[in-house]
Amino acid sequence: MCRFLKRHFSMCSNWMMTDTDSRELEVYVHIPFCVRKCRYCDFLSAPADAVVREKYVEVLEKQTERWALPGRTVSVFLGGGTPSVLNTEQAGRIVDAVHRCFELTSDCEVTMECNPGTLNREKLEAYRSFGINRLSLGLQSADDTELARLGRIHRFSDFRENYLQAREAGFENISVDLMYGLPGQTVESWTETLKKVLDLRPEHLSVYSLIIEPGTEFYRLYHEDDERRGAGKRPSHLPSEDAVADMEQETRRRMADAGFHRYEISNYARNGFESVHNSGYWTRREYIGLGLGASSLLYRRNAQKLFGSRGTGPVRFHVSRDWNSYLKEDFHAEELQTLSVRNEMEETMFLGLRMTRGVCLDDFYRTFGRSIEEVYPGKMERFCREGLAQLRDGRFSLTDRGMDLSNYVMADFLLT
């Protein structure tokens, strides 16, 4: 999961969040189930039997009712885990609860994450009838050998069949998740994955580089490998850094040739198909997280309604990550943090710089009463001089090279 923003008055359509203009809301629903854990996955998810899944859905419906909030809901995202593990009746109850408890706009983007191997034509037609209008399909690779190494439960043929079934069911907005830098992957096999997927003409692609996270099977495997070879050396199972860089360049080239534009570090879309929900995270739109461990960002009005919070700033928090607590209907906010102005300025910069349109200088000043240059003296000029960023039409944004080195740039916008 997934995972920060802005623009110039008349030229800039971006909208900055404040306690007085907070009118749009996003809803994230976490479904923490999967068929089996993939070898790279560190998400809050696990296999569970039918009894546990049913109990979870019942509790999730209750949380949705208790946490109903006013405001124009512009996106709903059912993520996981693998939401498509649920049966159609359970999925329908969850979507219905969200419809009852939140004010969905007429053009609300309603996304469901699905994995091949858990889908069929009946499920897809049911999703469409529930009002789900966008699918996010987890493919990762079109190479069956690479999929097996990742611990995926499907083959490329399964994905292709489900993709075509989704089109037949009426889905006109499909996103596909891909991953490069995989064990045993070559530039040639990655190029073939891109070709096969682009030939299907999805509307959106999320393309991530593999990160070996602590707690995963890959981490245990490669950590032991590190100890044998000496820490700091890249595991021999993984592509070289030069090969990964070639994969990144090939991705940008092929995406552009196919009519996609890069609107965020890892996301590409055809015009008009940028993810509303994910864009909300990067622009700090208010969002509520339902389900085990789900995180939220609420501004004063909704924080007061939900918790009686009297703070003046936005609050971040998450639901309990403990299965037993959640299934006992313990929905209290954990790690509740009231964001300071300093926190908000930092997030505005490092989330906004994830997006290719970058941060709007006028919006920053309008929101905080100080310019970016005043808060971060000399930093914009330095990164522009180094070719990592640019100032254009009142916006500060990263170049392609800057996006390749985004962690280095963004770290400099944390206030000490």
Protein backbone atom coordinates (compact mmCIF):
# COMPACT_ATOMS: atom_id res chain seq x y z
CA MET A 1 0.00 0.00 0.00
CA CYS A 2 0.74 3.70 -0.91
CA ARG A 3 2.75 5.46 0.64
CA PHE A 4 2.43 13.35 -0.69
CA LEU A 5 1.50 18.02 -3.54
CA LYS A 6 0.44 21.70 -5.41
CA ARG A 7 0.00 24.80 -7.87
CA HIS A 8 -0.47 28.53 -9.05
CA PHE A 9 -3.81 30.40 -8.70
CA SER A 10 -5.31 31.06 -12.15
CA MET A 11 -2.84 28.69 -13.82
CA CYS A 12 -3.04 26.06 -11.10
CA SER A 13 -6.04 23.86 -10.58
CA ASN A 14 -4.60 22.15 -7.49
CA TRP A 15 -6.53 22.53 -4.27
CA MET A 16 -4.88 22.96 -0.89
CA MET A 17 -6.46 21.45 2.19
CA THR A 18 -7.42 23.74 5.08
CA ASP A 19 -9.91 23.40 7.90
CA THR A 20 -12.23 25.86 6.18
CA ASP A 21 -12.23 24.43 2.66
CA SER A 22 -12.11 20.72 3.58
CA ARG A 23 -15.07 19.42 1.60
CA GLU A 24 -13.79 16.38 -0.30
CA LEU A 25 -13.24 13.01 1.32
CA GLU A 26 -11.70 9.71 0.30
CA VAL A 27 -12.57 6.32 1.76
CA TYR A 28 -10.08 3.46 1.97
CA VAL A 29 -11.35 -0.01 2.93
CA HIS A 30 -8.77 -2.60 3.94
CA ILE A 31 -9.42 -6.27 3.18
CA PRO A 32 -6.51 -8.11 4.87
CA PHE A 33 -6.95 -11.51 3.23
CA CYS A 34 -5.01 -13.36 0.56
CA VAL A 35 -4.73 -16.90 -0.74
CA ARG A 36 -1.12 -17.07 0.38
CA LYS A 37 1.57 -14.57 1.24
CA CYS A 38 3.80 -13.53 -1.66
CA ARG A 39 7.52 -13.76 -0.97
CA TYR A 40 8.08 -9.97 -1.23
CA CYS A 41 4.93 -8.80 0.61
CA ASP A 42 5.09 -6.87 3.89
CA PHE A 43 1.47 -5.65 3.81
CA LEU A 44 -0.93 -6.31 6.68
CA SER A 45 -2.51 -9.40 5.14
CA ALA A 46 -2.70 -13.16 5.60
CA PRO A 47 -4.73 -16.20 4.56
CA ALA A 48 -7.90 -16.82 6.60
CA ASP A 49 -10.74 -19.30 6.55
CA ALA A 50 -14.35 -18.56 5.56
CA VAL A 51 -15.48 -18.11 9.19
CA VAL A 52 -12.87 -15.41 9.91
CA ARG A 53 -13.60 -13.62 6.63
CA GLU A 54 -17.32 -13.49 7.39
CA LYS A 55 -16.73 -12.21 10.93
CA TYR A 56 -14.39 -9.55 9.56
CA VAL A 57 -16.97 -8.31 7.05
CA GLU A 58 -19.58 -8.05 9.82
CA VAL A 59 -17.24 -5.98 11.99
CA LEU A 60 -16.18 -3.85 9.02
CA GLU A 61 -19.83 -2.99 8.33
CA LYS A 62 -20.22 -1.85 11.94
CA GLN A 63 -17.10 0.33 11.77
CA THR A 64 -18.34 1.90 8.54
CA GLU A 65 -21.64 2.82 10.19
CA ARG A 66 -19.94 4.28 13.29
CA TRP A 67 -17.40 6.24 11.30
CA ALA A 68 -19.77 7.76 8.75
CA LEU A 69 -18.62 11.29 7.90
CA PRO A 70 -20.13 14.21 6.01
CA GLY A 71 -18.51 15.62 2.89
CA ARG A 72 -18.31 14.90 -0.81
CA THR A 73 -16.75 11.45 -1.14
CA VAL A 74 -14.79 11.55 -4.39
CA SER A 75 -13.12 8.14 -4.24
CA VAL A 76 -13.47 4.75 -2.61
CA PHE A 77 -10.66 2.20 -2.71
CA LEU A 78 -11.02 -1.43 -1.63
CA GLY A 79 -7.45 -2.58 -1.09
CA GLY A 80 -5.57 -5.36 0.59
CA GLY A 81 -4.48 -8.03 0.72
CA THR A 82 -6.69 -9.39 -2.01
CA PRO A 83 -10.25 -8.04 -1.78
CA SER A 84 -11.35 -10.40 -4.56
CA VAL A 85 -10.80 -13.31 -2.14
CA LEU A 86 -14.18 -12.38 -0.63
CA ASN A 87 -17.31 -13.87 -2.13
CA THR A 88 -19.56 -11.58 -4.14
CA GLU A 89 -22.18 -11.25 -1.41
CA GLN A 90 -19.56 -10.03 1.08
CA ALA A 91 -18.07 -7.57 -1.39
CA GLY A 92 -21.54 -6.25 -2.13
CA ARG A 93 -22.29 -5.69 1.57
CA ILE A 94 -19.11 -3.68 2.01
CA VAL A 95 -19.78 -1.45 -0.99
CA ASP A 96 -23.41 -1.01 0.11
CA ALA A 97 -22.31 0.05 3.60
CA VAL A 98 -20.03 2.71 2.12
CA HIS A 99 -22.87 3.97 -0.09
CA ARG A 100 -25.20 4.22 2.92
CA CYS A 101 -22.75 5.97 5.21
CA PHE A 102 -20.87 8.36 2.93
CA GLU A 103 -21.95 10.97 0.38
CA LEU A 104 -20.55 9.56 -2.86
CA THR A 105 -20.43 12.04 -5.73
CA SER A 106 -22.07 11.09 -9.03
CA ASP A 107 -18.65 10.62 -10.61
CA CYS A 108 -17.03 8.97 -7.56
CA GLU A 109 -14.13 6.70 -8.48
CA VAL A 110 -14.72 3.29 -6.87
CA THR A 111 -11.69 1.00 -7.20
CA MET A 112 -11.26 -2.62 -6.23
CA GLU A 113 -7.91 -4.37 -6.09
CA CYS A 114 -8.07 -7.85 -7.60
CA ASN A 115 -5.57 -10.62 -8.21
CA PRO A 116 -5.72 -13.18 -11.00
CA GLY A 117 -6.50 -16.59 -9.58
CA THR A 118 -9.31 -15.18 -7.42
CA LEU A 119 -11.52 -13.81 -10.22
CA ASN A 120 -14.12 -15.09 -12.63
CA ARG A 121 -16.72 -13.61 -14.97
CA GLU A 122 -19.49 -13.86 -12.36
CA LYS A 123 -17.51 -11.86 -9.78
CA LEU A 124 -16.55 -9.19 -12.28
CA GLU A 125 -20.14 -8.70 -13.44
CA ALA A 126 -21.26 -8.49 -9.80
CA TYR A 127 -18.59 -5.85 -9.02
CA ARG A 128 -19.83 -3.77 -11.92
CA SER A 129 -23.42 -4.03 -10.70
CA PHE A 130 -22.33 -2.82 -7.24
CA GLY A 131 -21.05 0.43 -8.78
CA ILE A 132 -17.36 -0.46 -8.79
CA ASN A 133 -16.05 1.38 -11.85
CA ARG A 134 -12.29 0.87 -11.68
CA LEU A 135 -10.17 -2.25 -11.24
CA SER A 136 -6.57 -2.49 -10.10
CA LEU A 137 -5.21 -5.84 -11.29
CA GLY A 138 -2.05 -7.21 -9.67
CA LEU A 139 0.02 -8.80 -12.41
CA GLN A 140 3.66 -7.90 -11.46
CA SER A 141 5.20 -9.80 -14.39
CA ALA A 142 4.14 -11.46 -17.64
CA ASP A 143 6.85 -14.08 -17.23
CA ASP A 144 5.54 -17.24 -15.55
CA THR A 145 8.97 -18.15 -14.15
CA GLU A 146 9.28 -14.72 -12.51
CA LEU A 147 5.75 -15.01 -11.12
CA ALA A 148 6.62 -18.36 -9.54
CA ARG A 149 9.73 -16.85 -7.92
CA LEU A 150 7.56 -14.10 -6.42
CA GLY A 151 5.17 -16.67 -4.97
CA ARG A 152 2.22 -15.48 -7.05
CA ILE A 153 -0.69 -17.89 -7.44
CA HIS A 154 -1.36 -17.13 -11.12
CA ARG A 155 0.20 -17.29 -14.56
CA PHE A 156 0.10 -14.62 -17.24
CA SER A 157 -2.62 -16.55 -19.09
CA ASP A 158 -4.83 -16.27 -15.98
CA PHE A 159 -4.30 -12.53 -15.88
CA ARG A 160 -5.07 -12.12 -19.56
CA GLU A 161 -8.28 -14.16 -19.25
CA ASN A 162 -9.45 -12.08 -16.26
CA TYR A 163 -8.51 -8.85 -18.01
CA LEU A 164 -10.63 -9.72 -21.05
CA GLN A 165 -13.49 -10.85 -18.79
CA ALA A 166 -13.35 -7.46 -17.06
CA ARG A 167 -13.66 -5.70 -20.40
CA GLU A 168 -16.63 -7.92 -21.30
CA ALA A 169 -18.22 -7.08 -17.94
CA GLY A 170 -18.09 -3.38 -18.86
CA PHE A 171 -15.00 -2.07 -17.07
CA GLU A 172 -13.56 0.89 -18.97
CA ASN A 173 -10.96 1.91 -16.40
CA ILE A 174 -8.40 -0.79 -15.59
CA SER A 175 -5.06 -0.31 -13.88
CA VAL A 176 -2.31 -2.94 -13.87
CA ASP A 177 0.42 -3.31 -11.24
CA LEU A 178 3.90 -4.27 -12.48
CA MET A 179 7.21 -4.80 -10.71
CA TYR A 180 10.78 -4.73 -12.02
CA GLY A 181 14.17 -5.56 -10.54
CA LEU A 182 12.93 -9.08 -9.75
CA PRO A 183 15.12 -12.10 -9.00
CA GLY A 184 16.36 -13.56 -12.26
CA GLN A 185 14.74 -10.80 -14.33
CA THR A 186 16.55 -9.38 -17.35
CA VAL A 187 16.05 -6.20 -19.33
CA GLU A 188 14.72 -8.38 -22.15
CA SER A 189 12.14 -10.18 -19.99
CA TRP A 190 11.01 -6.84 -18.50
CA THR A 191 10.65 -5.37 -21.99
CA GLU A 192 8.51 -8.37 -22.98
CA THR A 193 6.30 -7.83 -19.91
CA LEU A 194 5.76 -4.19 -20.90
CA LYS A 195 4.95 -5.17 -24.47
CA LYS A 196 2.41 -7.84 -23.50
CA VAL A 197 0.63 -5.54 -21.06
CA LEU A 198 0.62 -2.48 -23.32
CA ASP A 199 -0.81 -4.59 -26.14
CA LEU A 200 -3.92 -5.02 -23.95
CA ARG A 201 -4.34 -1.22 -23.75
CA PRO A 202 -5.10 -0.64 -20.05
CA GLU A 203 -5.87 2.90 -18.93
CA HIS A 204 -3.35 3.05 -16.08
CA LEU A 205 -0.14 1.34 -14.96
CA SER A 206 1.55 1.38 -11.57
CA VAL A 207 5.18 0.35 -12.00
CA TYR A 208 7.31 -0.33 -8.93
CA SER A 209 10.88 -1.40 -8.33
CA LEU A 210 11.20 -4.39 -6.02
CA ILE A 211 12.19 -3.43 -2.48
CA ILE A 212 13.33 -6.18 -0.14
CA GLU A 213 11.37 -5.37 3.04
CA PRO A 214 12.14 -6.71 6.55
CA GLY A 215 9.81 -9.49 7.63
CA THR A 216 9.33 -10.92 4.15
CA GLU A 217 10.52 -14.28 2.87
CA PHE A 218 12.78 -12.45 0.39
CA TYR A 219 14.35 -10.49 3.24
CA ARG A 220 15.14 -13.66 5.15
CA LEU A 221 16.59 -15.24 2.02
CA TYR A 222 18.68 -12.25 0.95
CA HIS A 223 19.70 -11.22 4.46
CA GLU A 224 21.27 -14.63 4.89
CA ASP A 225 22.83 -14.19 1.45
CA ASP A 226 24.25 -10.84 2.59
CA GLU A 227 25.88 -12.51 5.59
CA ARG A 228 27.54 -15.10 3.37
CA ARG A 229 28.75 -12.59 0.77
CA GLY A 230 29.39 -9.60 2.99
CA ALA A 231 26.96 -6.82 3.82
CA GLY A 232 26.43 -4.07 1.28
CA LYS A 233 26.87 -6.22 -1.81
CA ARG A 234 23.85 -6.59 -4.07
CA PRO A 235 22.42 -10.16 -3.93
CA SER A 236 23.49 -12.12 -6.99
CA HIS A 237 19.87 -13.24 -7.53
CA LEU A 238 18.82 -9.66 -8.33
CA PRO A 239 19.53 -7.67 -11.51
CA SER A 240 22.50 -5.31 -11.35
CA GLU A 241 21.95 -1.62 -10.65
CA ASP A 242 22.80 -0.87 -14.30
CA ALA A 243 20.18 -3.39 -15.46
CA VAL A 244 17.57 -1.83 -13.16
CA ALA A 245 18.41 1.62 -14.55
CA ASP A 246 17.97 0.25 -18.09
CA MET A 247 14.56 -1.16 -17.06
CA GLU A 248 13.52 2.26 -15.77
CA GLN A 249 14.57 3.96 -19.02
CA GLU A 250 12.82 1.32 -21.11
CA THR A 251 9.66 1.84 -19.05
CA ARG A 252 9.61 5.59 -19.67
CA ARG A 253 10.27 5.16 -23.38
CA ARG A 254 7.64 2.50 -23.99
CA MET A 255 5.03 4.29 -21.89
CA ALA A 256 5.49 7.49 -23.84
CA ASP A 257 5.33 5.62 -27.15
CA ALA A 258 2.07 3.98 -26.04
CA GLY A 259 0.41 7.31 -25.16
CA PHE A 260 0.85 7.21 -21.37
CA HIS A 261 2.13 10.13 -19.34
CA ARG A 262 3.99 9.80 -16.07
CA TYR A 263 2.08 11.80 -13.47
CA GLU A 264 3.79 10.40 -10.36
CA ILE A 265 7.08 8.63 -9.68
CA SER A 266 5.62 5.15 -10.14
CA ASN A 267 2.37 5.84 -11.99
CA TYR A 268 1.47 6.27 -15.66
CA ALA A 269 -1.92 7.00 -17.19
CA ARG A 270 -3.71 7.85 -20.39
CA ASN A 271 -5.14 11.37 -20.28
CA GLY A 272 -8.10 11.54 -17.93
CA PHE A 273 -7.36 8.23 -16.19
CA GLU A 274 -5.05 9.37 -13.39
CA SER A 275 -6.04 7.70 -10.11
CA VAL A 276 -8.28 10.06 -8.15
CA HIS A 277 -7.71 8.12 -4.95
CA ASN A 278 -3.92 7.93 -5.08
CA SER A 279 -3.68 11.55 -6.20
CA GLY A 280 -5.59 12.44 -3.04
CA TYR A 281 -2.82 11.00 -0.89
CA TRP A 282 -0.17 13.01 -2.71
CA THR A 283 -2.22 16.21 -2.47
CA ARG A 284 -3.13 15.62 1.19
CA ARG A 285 -6.85 15.31 0.62
CA GLU A 286 -8.78 14.17 3.69
CA TYR A 287 -9.24 10.41 3.89
CA ILE A 288 -10.76 7.87 6.27
CA GLY A 289 -9.39 4.34 6.61
CA LEU A 290 -11.77 1.49 7.43
CA GLY A 291 -10.62 -1.98 8.40
CA LEU A 292 -7.73 -3.60 10.23
CA GLY A 293 -4.75 -1.25 10.55
CA ALA A 294 -6.15 1.29 8.07
CA SER A 295 -4.74 4.84 8.33
CA SER A 296 -6.60 8.15 8.15
CA LEU A 297 -5.90 11.86 7.73
CA LEU A 298 -8.73 14.04 9.05
CA TYR A 299 -9.05 17.79 9.35
CA ARG A 300 -10.57 19.55 12.35
CA ARG A 301 -14.26 19.28 11.46
CA ASN A 302 -14.25 15.51 10.95
CA ALA A 303 -11.72 14.83 13.71
CA GLN A 304 -14.06 16.56 16.15
CA LYS A 305 -17.05 14.59 14.88
CA LEU A 306 -15.29 11.25 15.18
CA PHE A 307 -13.24 11.68 18.35
CA GLY A 308 -14.19 15.00 19.88
CA SER A 309 -10.66 16.16 19.05
CA ARG A 310 -10.06 19.80 19.99
CA GLY A 311 -6.75 20.23 18.21
CA THR A 312 -6.35 22.93 15.60
CA GLY A 313 -4.38 20.94 13.04
CA PRO A 314 -5.02 17.84 10.93
CA VAL A 315 -4.69 14.48 12.66
CA ARG A 316 -3.21 11.20 11.48
CA PHE A 317 -4.02 7.88 13.12
CA HIS A 318 -4.70 4.25 12.34
CA VAL A 319 -7.03 1.49 13.47
CA SER A 320 -5.64 -1.34 15.58
CA ARG A 321 -3.42 -3.77 13.69
CA ASP A 322 -4.27 -6.56 16.14
CA TRP A 323 -6.73 -9.12 14.71
CA ASN A 324 -8.32 -9.98 18.05
CA SER A 325 -8.82 -6.34 19.06
CA TYR A 326 -10.38 -5.41 15.75
CA LEU A 327 -12.71 -8.41 15.67
CA LYS A 328 -13.91 -7.37 19.16
CA GLU A 329 -14.98 -4.06 17.56
CA ASP A 330 -12.15 -2.02 19.04
CA PHE A 331 -12.05 0.92 16.62
CA HIS A 332 -10.13 3.42 18.75
CA ALA A 333 -7.53 5.60 17.03
CA GLU A 334 -3.95 4.48 17.60
CA GLU A 335 -0.85 6.68 17.30
CA LEU A 336 -3.05 9.75 16.88
CA GLN A 337 -0.82 12.65 15.87
CA THR A 338 -1.88 16.26 15.47
CA LEU A 339 0.20 17.66 12.63
CA SER A 340 2.07 20.90 13.20
CA VAL A 341 2.48 23.54 10.51
CA ARG A 342 6.02 22.26 10.14
CA ASN A 343 4.72 18.72 9.53
CA GLU A 344 2.31 20.04 6.91
CA MET A 345 5.01 22.00 5.08
CA GLU A 346 7.25 18.94 4.98
CA GLU A 347 4.45 16.75 3.63
CA THR A 348 3.47 19.36 1.08
CA MET A 349 6.99 19.25 -0.32
CA PHE A 350 7.90 15.56 -0.23
CA LEU A 351 4.45 14.37 -1.30
CA GLY A 352 4.04 17.08 -3.92
CA LEU A 353 7.43 16.32 -5.44
CA ARG A 354 6.31 12.74 -6.08
CA MET A 355 4.01 14.16 -8.76
CA THR A 356 5.45 15.33 -12.05
CA ARG A 357 3.53 18.61 -11.81
CA GLY A 358 5.30 19.30 -8.53
CA VAL A 359 4.53 21.98 -5.92
CA CYS A 360 2.90 25.31 -6.74
CA LEU A 361 4.76 28.24 -5.24
CA ASP A 362 1.62 30.41 -4.91
CA ASP A 363 -0.38 27.66 -3.23
CA PHE A 364 2.39 27.06 -0.71
CA TYR A 365 2.44 30.77 0.18
CA ARG A 366 -1.36 30.99 0.30
CA THR A 367 -1.56 28.04 2.69
CA PHE A 368 1.35 28.79 5.03
CA GLY A 369 1.89 32.54 4.70
CA ARG A 370 5.55 31.95 3.85
CA SER A 371 7.28 31.23 0.56
CA ILE A 372 9.12 28.00 -0.19
CA GLU A 373 12.32 30.01 -0.55
CA GLU A 374 11.83 31.51 2.92
CA VAL A 375 11.20 28.12 4.54
CA TYR A 376 13.86 26.27 2.52
CA PRO A 377 16.45 28.93 1.62
CA GLY A 378 18.65 28.03 -1.35
CA LYS A 379 17.32 24.50 -1.82
CA MET A 380 15.24 25.06 -4.97
CA GLU A 381 18.11 26.91 -6.63
CA ARG A 382 20.59 24.16 -5.73
CA PHE A 383 18.49 21.31 -7.08
CA CYS A 384 17.74 23.25 -10.28
CA ARG A 385 21.45 23.91 -10.72
CA GLU A 386 22.18 20.19 -10.25
CA GLY A 387 19.62 19.29 -12.91
CA LEU A 388 17.41 17.43 -10.44
CA ALA A 389 14.54 19.93 -10.42
CA GLN A 390 13.04 22.77 -12.42
CA LEU A 391 10.99 25.94 -11.92
CA ARG A 392 8.35 26.36 -14.61
CA ASP A 393 5.01 28.21 -14.72
CA GLY A 394 5.09 28.85 -10.99
CA ARG A 395 5.78 25.24 -10.10
CA PHE A 396 8.77 23.50 -8.55
CA SER A 397 9.06 19.91 -9.82
CA LEU A 398 11.59 17.14 -10.28
CA THR A 399 13.20 16.30 -13.60
CA ASP A 400 13.41 12.68 -14.77
CA ARG A 401 16.88 12.49 -13.24
CA GLY A 402 15.51 14.02 -10.03
CA MET A 403 12.82 11.36 -9.88
CA ASP A 404 15.47 8.68 -10.17
CA LEU A 405 17.14 10.30 -7.14
CA SER A 406 13.93 11.36 -5.42
CA ASN A 407 14.85 10.03 -1.97
CA TYR A 408 17.99 12.17 -1.97
CA VAL A 409 16.05 15.30 -2.97
CA MET A 410 13.05 14.80 -0.70
CA ALA A 411 15.18 14.15 2.36
CA ASP A 412 16.45 17.73 2.04
CA PHE A 413 12.92 19.08 2.61
CA LEU A 414 12.60 17.62 6.08
CA LEU A 415 12.89 20.52 8.52
CA THR A 416 15.45 19.97 11.27
